[in-house]
Amino acid sequence: MGRDKSGKKHYKRWKCRVCGYIHEGPEPPDICPVCGVPKDMFDPVE
């Protein structure tokens, strides 16, 4: 987690390769809440 120019905290975004769910946090979730795949099926999003 870092801070943007305004000083607000921001998190990395992660996208599920299967269903496209976007998660915001320092790490991907352990299991996708939409389709149930494990966290290794998430890719970081810019």
PDB file of N, CA and C in Angstrom:
ATOM      1  N   MET A   1       0.847  -1.171   0.000  1.00  0.00           N
ATOM      2  CA  MET A   1       0.000   0.000   0.000  1.00  0.00           C
ATOM      3  C   MET A   1       0.891   1.231   0.000  1.00  0.00           C
ATOM      4  N   GLY A   2       0.507   2.224  -0.762  1.00  0.00           N
ATOM      5  CA  GLY A   2       1.250   3.460  -0.803  1.00  0.00           C
ATOM      6  C   GLY A   2       0.318   4.635  -0.614  1.00  0.00           C
ATOM      7  N   ARG A   3       0.831   5.794  -0.922  1.00  0.00           N
ATOM      8  CA  ARG A   3       0.003   7.001  -0.829  1.00  0.00           C
ATOM      9  C   ARG A   3       0.143   7.766  -2.134  1.00  0.00           C
ATOM     10  N   ASP A   4      -0.958   8.354  -2.575  1.00  0.00           N
ATOM     11  CA  ASP A   4      -0.890   9.154  -3.783  1.00  0.00           C
ATOM     12  C   ASP A   4      -0.436  10.573  -3.431  1.00  0.00           C
ATOM     13  N   LYS A   5      -0.431  11.464  -4.407  1.00  0.00           N
ATOM     14  CA  LYS A   5       0.079  12.825  -4.187  1.00  0.00           C
ATOM     15  C   LYS A   5      -0.715  13.596  -3.145  1.00  0.00           C
ATOM     16  N   SER A   6      -2.001  13.275  -2.989  1.00  0.00           N
ATOM     17  CA  SER A   6      -2.819  13.976  -2.001  1.00  0.00           C
ATOM     18  C   SER A   6      -2.644  13.407  -0.600  1.00  0.00           C
ATOM     19  N   GLY A   7      -1.872  12.323  -0.475  1.00  0.00           N
ATOM     20  CA  GLY A   7      -1.639  11.713   0.823  1.00  0.00           C
ATOM     21  C   GLY A   7      -2.625  10.616   1.169  1.00  0.00           C
ATOM     22  N   LYS A   8      -3.591  10.370   0.272  1.00  0.00           N
ATOM     23  CA  LYS A   8      -4.570   9.315   0.524  1.00  0.00           C
ATOM     24  C   LYS A   8      -3.940   7.950   0.280  1.00  0.00           C
ATOM     25  N   LYS A   9      -4.361   6.978   1.074  1.00  0.00           N
ATOM     26  CA  LYS A   9      -3.874   5.616   0.883  1.00  0.00           C
ATOM     27  C   LYS A   9      -4.481   5.045  -0.388  1.00  0.00           C
ATOM     28  N   HIS A  10      -3.701   4.264  -1.111  1.00  0.00           N
ATOM     29  CA  HIS A  10      -4.257   3.561  -2.255  1.00  0.00           C
ATOM     30  C   HIS A  10      -3.756   2.127  -2.251  1.00  0.00           C
ATOM     31  N   TYR A  11      -4.541   1.273  -2.849  1.00  0.00           N
ATOM     32  CA  TYR A  11      -4.232  -0.143  -2.885  1.00  0.00           C
ATOM     33  C   TYR A  11      -4.030  -0.583  -4.320  1.00  0.00           C
ATOM     34  N   LYS A  12      -3.358  -1.669  -4.457  1.00  0.00           N
ATOM     35  CA  LYS A  12      -3.191  -2.286  -5.747  1.00  0.00           C
ATOM     36  C   LYS A  12      -4.519  -2.901  -6.161  1.00  0.00           C
ATOM     37  N   ARG A  13      -4.740  -3.000  -7.458  1.00  0.00           N
ATOM     38  CA  ARG A  13      -5.956  -3.633  -7.964  1.00  0.00           C
ATOM     39  C   ARG A  13      -5.583  -4.968  -8.589  1.00  0.00           C
ATOM     40  N   TRP A  14      -6.425  -5.952  -8.380  1.00  0.00           N
ATOM     41  CA  TRP A  14      -6.216  -7.309  -8.870  1.00  0.00           C
ATOM     42  C   TRP A  14      -7.435  -7.747  -9.669  1.00  0.00           C
ATOM     43  N   LYS A  15      -7.223  -8.365 -10.829  1.00  0.00           N
ATOM     44  CA  LYS A  15      -8.331  -8.805 -11.679  1.00  0.00           C
ATOM     45  C   LYS A  15      -8.324 -10.323 -11.802  1.00  0.00           C
ATOM     46  N   CYS A  16      -9.489 -10.916 -11.562  1.00  0.00           N
ATOM     47  CA  CYS A  16      -9.639 -12.360 -11.712  1.00  0.00           C
ATOM     48  C   CYS A  16      -9.601 -12.703 -13.195  1.00  0.00           C
ATOM     49  N   ARG A  17      -8.750 -13.658 -13.573  1.00  0.00           N
ATOM     50  CA  ARG A  17      -8.631 -14.072 -14.970  1.00  0.00           C
ATOM     51  C   ARG A  17      -9.864 -14.808 -15.471  1.00  0.00           C
ATOM     52  N   VAL A  18     -10.637 -15.381 -14.566  1.00  0.00           N
ATOM     53  CA  VAL A  18     -11.792 -16.182 -14.966  1.00  0.00           C
ATOM     54  C   VAL A  18     -13.041 -15.323 -15.168  1.00  0.00           C
ATOM     55  N   CYS A  19     -13.400 -14.525 -14.158  1.00  0.00           N
ATOM     56  CA  CYS A  19     -14.672 -13.792 -14.226  1.00  0.00           C
ATOM     57  C   CYS A  19     -14.520 -12.282 -14.371  1.00  0.00           C
ATOM     58  N   GLY A  20     -13.293 -11.757 -14.189  1.00  0.00           N
ATOM     59  CA  GLY A  20     -13.078 -10.324 -14.336  1.00  0.00           C
ATOM     60  C   GLY A  20     -13.311  -9.505 -13.074  1.00  0.00           C
ATOM     61  N   TYR A  21     -13.600 -10.173 -11.961  1.00  0.00           N
ATOM     62  CA  TYR A  21     -13.800  -9.467 -10.691  1.00  0.00           C
ATOM     63  C   TYR A  21     -12.561  -8.638 -10.359  1.00  0.00           C
ATOM     64  N   ILE A  22     -12.763  -7.395  -9.914  1.00  0.00           N
ATOM     65  CA  ILE A  22     -11.661  -6.517  -9.506  1.00  0.00           C
ATOM     66  C   ILE A  22     -11.646  -6.419  -7.984  1.00  0.00           C
ATOM     67  N   HIS A  23     -10.478  -6.711  -7.406  1.00  0.00           N
ATOM     68  CA  HIS A  23     -10.282  -6.627  -5.957  1.00  0.00           C
ATOM     69  C   HIS A  23      -9.262  -5.535  -5.694  1.00  0.00           C
ATOM     70  N   GLU A  24      -9.511  -4.704  -4.682  1.00  0.00           N
ATOM     71  CA  GLU A  24      -8.542  -3.691  -4.271  1.00  0.00           C
ATOM     72  C   GLU A  24      -7.979  -4.071  -2.919  1.00  0.00           C
ATOM     73  N   GLY A  25      -6.656  -4.141  -2.837  1.00  0.00           N
ATOM     74  CA  GLY A  25      -5.988  -4.484  -1.597  1.00  0.00           C
ATOM     75  C   GLY A  25      -4.524  -4.732  -1.844  1.00  0.00           C
ATOM     76  N   PRO A  26      -3.755  -4.914  -0.788  1.00  0.00           N
ATOM     77  CA  PRO A  26      -2.318  -5.134  -0.945  1.00  0.00           C
ATOM     78  C   PRO A  26      -1.997  -6.465  -1.622  1.00  0.00           C
ATOM     79  N   GLU A  27      -2.916  -7.428  -1.528  1.00  0.00           N
ATOM     80  CA  GLU A  27      -2.751  -8.752  -2.148  1.00  0.00           C
ATOM     81  C   GLU A  27      -4.084  -9.189  -2.722  1.00  0.00           C
ATOM     82  N   PRO A  28      -4.066 -10.144  -3.650  1.00  0.00           N
ATOM     83  CA  PRO A  28      -5.345 -10.670  -4.131  1.00  0.00           C
ATOM     84  C   PRO A  28      -6.036 -11.455  -3.016  1.00  0.00           C
ATOM     85  N   PRO A  29      -7.358 -11.626  -3.114  1.00  0.00           N
ATOM     86  CA  PRO A  29      -8.053 -12.414  -2.089  1.00  0.00           C
ATOM     87  C   PRO A  29      -7.644 -13.882  -2.190  1.00  0.00           C
ATOM     88  N   ASP A  30      -7.784 -14.637  -1.108  1.00  0.00           N
ATOM     89  CA  ASP A  30      -7.442 -16.062  -1.133  1.00  0.00           C
ATOM     90  C   ASP A  30      -8.307 -16.825  -2.130  1.00  0.00           C
ATOM     91  N   ILE A  31      -9.582 -16.434  -2.211  1.00  0.00           N
ATOM     92  CA  ILE A  31     -10.530 -17.063  -3.132  1.00  0.00           C
ATOM     93  C   ILE A  31     -11.389 -15.961  -3.737  1.00  0.00           C
ATOM     94  N   CYS A  32     -11.634 -16.021  -5.037  1.00  0.00           N
ATOM     95  CA  CYS A  32     -12.491 -15.035  -5.689  1.00  0.00           C
ATOM     96  C   CYS A  32     -13.907 -15.154  -5.126  1.00  0.00           C
ATOM     97  N   PRO A  33     -14.478 -14.040  -4.645  1.00  0.00           N
ATOM     98  CA  PRO A  33     -15.825 -14.102  -4.072  1.00  0.00           C
ATOM     99  C   PRO A  33     -16.914 -14.322  -5.121  1.00  0.00           C
ATOM    100  N   VAL A  34     -16.584 -14.150  -6.396  1.00  0.00           N
ATOM    101  CA  VAL A  34     -17.577 -14.317  -7.454  1.00  0.00           C
ATOM    102  C   VAL A  34     -17.565 -15.736  -8.018  1.00  0.00           C
ATOM    103  N   CYS A  35     -16.373 -16.218  -8.409  1.00  0.00           N
ATOM    104  CA  CYS A  35     -16.328 -17.522  -9.084  1.00  0.00           C
ATOM    105  C   CYS A  35     -15.582 -18.606  -8.314  1.00  0.00           C
ATOM    106  N   GLY A  36     -14.916 -18.246  -7.205  1.00  0.00           N
ATOM    107  CA  GLY A  36     -14.327 -19.246  -6.331  1.00  0.00           C
ATOM    108  C   GLY A  36     -12.943 -19.760  -6.683  1.00  0.00           C
ATOM    109  N   VAL A  37     -12.275 -19.157  -7.674  1.00  0.00           N
ATOM    110  CA  VAL A  37     -10.932 -19.628  -8.016  1.00  0.00           C
ATOM    111  C   VAL A  37      -9.918 -19.120  -6.985  1.00  0.00           C
ATOM    112  N   PRO A  38      -8.765 -19.797  -6.854  1.00  0.00           N
ATOM    113  CA  PRO A  38      -7.742 -19.378  -5.880  1.00  0.00           C
ATOM    114  C   PRO A  38      -7.013 -18.107  -6.317  1.00  0.00           C
ATOM    115  N   LYS A  39      -6.256 -17.539  -5.364  1.00  0.00           N
ATOM    116  CA  LYS A  39      -5.609 -16.250  -5.605  1.00  0.00           C
ATOM    117  C   LYS A  39      -4.552 -16.260  -6.701  1.00  0.00           C
ATOM    118  N   ASP A  40      -4.036 -17.415  -7.067  1.00  0.00           N
ATOM    119  CA  ASP A  40      -3.053 -17.439  -8.154  1.00  0.00           C
ATOM    120  C   ASP A  40      -3.694 -17.192  -9.524  1.00  0.00           C
ATOM    121  N   MET A  41      -5.011 -17.049  -9.560  1.00  0.00           N
ATOM    122  CA  MET A  41      -5.723 -16.739 -10.801  1.00  0.00           C
ATOM    123  C   MET A  41      -5.999 -15.238 -10.937  1.00  0.00           C
ATOM    124  N   PHE A  42      -5.365 -14.419 -10.084  1.00  0.00           N
ATOM    125  CA  PHE A  42      -5.509 -12.966 -10.148  1.00  0.00           C
ATOM    126  C   PHE A  42      -4.237 -12.349 -10.708  1.00  0.00           C
ATOM    127  N   ASP A  43      -4.411 -11.321 -11.533  1.00  0.00           N
ATOM    128  CA  ASP A  43      -3.287 -10.569 -12.087  1.00  0.00           C
ATOM    129  C   ASP A  43      -3.374  -9.124 -11.608  1.00  0.00           C
ATOM    130  N   PRO A  44      -2.219  -8.475 -11.364  1.00  0.00           N
ATOM    131  CA  PRO A  44      -2.257  -7.063 -10.981  1.00  0.00           C
ATOM    132  C   PRO A  44      -2.746  -6.208 -12.149  1.00  0.00           C
ATOM    133  N   VAL A  45      -3.473  -5.141 -11.837  1.00  0.00           N
ATOM    134  CA  VAL A  45      -4.008  -4.224 -12.842  1.00  0.00           C
ATOM    135  C   VAL A  45      -3.390  -2.859 -12.597  1.00  0.00           C
ATOM    136  N   GLU A  46      -2.962  -2.211 -13.654  1.00  0.00           N
ATOM    137  CA  GLU A  46      -2.379  -0.861 -13.547  1.00  0.00           C
ATOM    138  C   GLU A  46      -3.463   0.171 -13.347  1.00  0.00           C
TER     139      GLU A  46
END
